[in-house]
Amino acid sequence: MLPGRPLNDWDLLSDETQLLLAREAMLRASETIANHAEQLAGELEAGEIADLGGPEALRLLANMVRLSNRDPIFPAGSA
């Protein structure tokens, strides 16, 4: 890639860079999901939303998402 030239095509990235970016995107997305689950659980507990047994299920989801991010084995596909 030429300096100062914007990267407009995913395919211009090396396979290694694609995998690195994809992994980082997945980590950020899963942390966002976990944070939203925690926030929603808090709102349920505070009575902002009707509680139908959700806070503990949401915390379980948040923990499962976070635990899955700690797995050192990341399946590498073909890009």
Protein backbone atom coordinates (compact mmCIF):
# COMPACT_ATOMS: atom_id res chain seq x y z
CA MET A 1 0.00 0.00 0.00
CA LEU A 2 1.26 3.46 -0.87
CA PRO A 3 1.72 5.97 1.97
CA GLY A 4 -1.20 8.36 2.29
CA ARG A 5 -3.43 6.23 0.07
CA PRO A 6 -6.63 5.08 1.81
CA LEU A 7 -7.24 1.35 1.98
CA ASN A 8 -10.55 0.75 0.23
CA ASP A 9 -10.53 -3.01 -0.21
CA TRP A 10 -10.37 -5.73 2.42
CA ASP A 11 -8.69 -8.01 -0.10
CA LEU A 12 -5.68 -5.69 -0.27
CA LEU A 13 -4.83 -6.68 3.32
CA SER A 14 -2.63 -9.67 3.97
CA ASP A 15 -4.29 -12.80 5.33
CA GLU A 16 -2.49 -12.25 8.64
CA THR A 17 -3.79 -8.69 8.91
CA GLN A 18 -7.31 -9.77 7.99
CA LEU A 19 -7.25 -12.40 10.74
CA LEU A 20 -5.87 -9.93 13.26
CA LEU A 21 -8.53 -7.33 12.44
CA ALA A 22 -11.31 -9.91 12.44
CA ARG A 23 -10.23 -11.23 15.85
CA GLU A 24 -10.08 -7.73 17.31
CA ALA A 25 -13.52 -6.94 15.89
CA MET A 26 -14.94 -10.11 17.46
CA LEU A 27 -13.35 -9.29 20.82
CA ARG A 28 -14.81 -5.79 20.78
CA ALA A 29 -18.23 -7.04 19.70
CA SER A 30 -18.34 -9.68 22.41
CA GLU A 31 -17.29 -7.18 25.08
CA THR A 32 -20.01 -4.82 23.85
CA ILE A 33 -22.59 -7.62 24.15
CA ALA A 34 -21.37 -8.51 27.63
CA ASN A 35 -21.48 -4.87 28.75
CA HIS A 36 -25.01 -4.44 27.41
CA ALA A 37 -26.10 -7.61 29.22
CA GLU A 38 -24.65 -6.26 32.49
CA GLN A 39 -26.34 -2.88 31.97
CA LEU A 40 -29.68 -4.50 31.19
CA ALA A 41 -29.39 -6.70 34.28
CA GLY A 42 -28.84 -3.58 36.38
CA GLU A 43 -31.88 -1.89 34.85
CA LEU A 44 -33.98 -4.96 35.58
CA GLU A 45 -32.81 -5.00 39.19
CA ALA A 46 -33.48 -1.27 39.55
CA GLY A 47 -37.05 -1.77 38.33
CA GLU A 48 -36.59 0.26 35.15
CA ILE A 49 -37.71 -2.77 33.14
CA ALA A 50 -40.13 -5.50 34.27
CA ASP A 51 -38.13 -8.36 35.79
CA LEU A 52 -39.13 -11.73 34.40
CA GLY A 53 -36.08 -13.54 35.80
CA GLY A 54 -33.59 -11.97 33.45
CA PRO A 55 -30.77 -10.41 35.52
CA GLU A 56 -29.00 -13.63 36.40
CA ALA A 57 -29.44 -15.02 32.90
CA LEU A 58 -27.93 -11.84 31.47
CA ARG A 59 -24.99 -12.01 33.87
CA LEU A 60 -24.46 -15.63 32.87
CA LEU A 61 -24.45 -14.56 29.21
CA ALA A 62 -21.99 -11.76 29.97
CA ASN A 63 -19.66 -14.15 31.78
CA MET A 64 -19.88 -16.78 29.06
CA VAL A 65 -19.02 -14.21 26.38
CA ARG A 66 -16.08 -12.92 28.40
CA LEU A 67 -14.81 -16.42 29.18
CA SER A 68 -14.92 -17.37 25.52
CA ASN A 69 -12.59 -14.44 24.80
CA ARG A 70 -9.96 -15.95 27.09
CA ASP A 71 -9.61 -19.06 24.96
CA PRO A 72 -6.06 -18.93 23.61
CA ILE A 73 -7.00 -21.13 20.67
CA PHE A 74 -8.48 -19.06 17.89
CA PRO A 75 -9.68 -21.09 14.94
CA ALA A 76 -7.84 -19.88 11.89
CA GLY A 77 -9.79 -20.14 8.69
CA SER A 78 -8.80 -19.36 5.17
CA ALA A 79 -9.17 -15.77 4.15
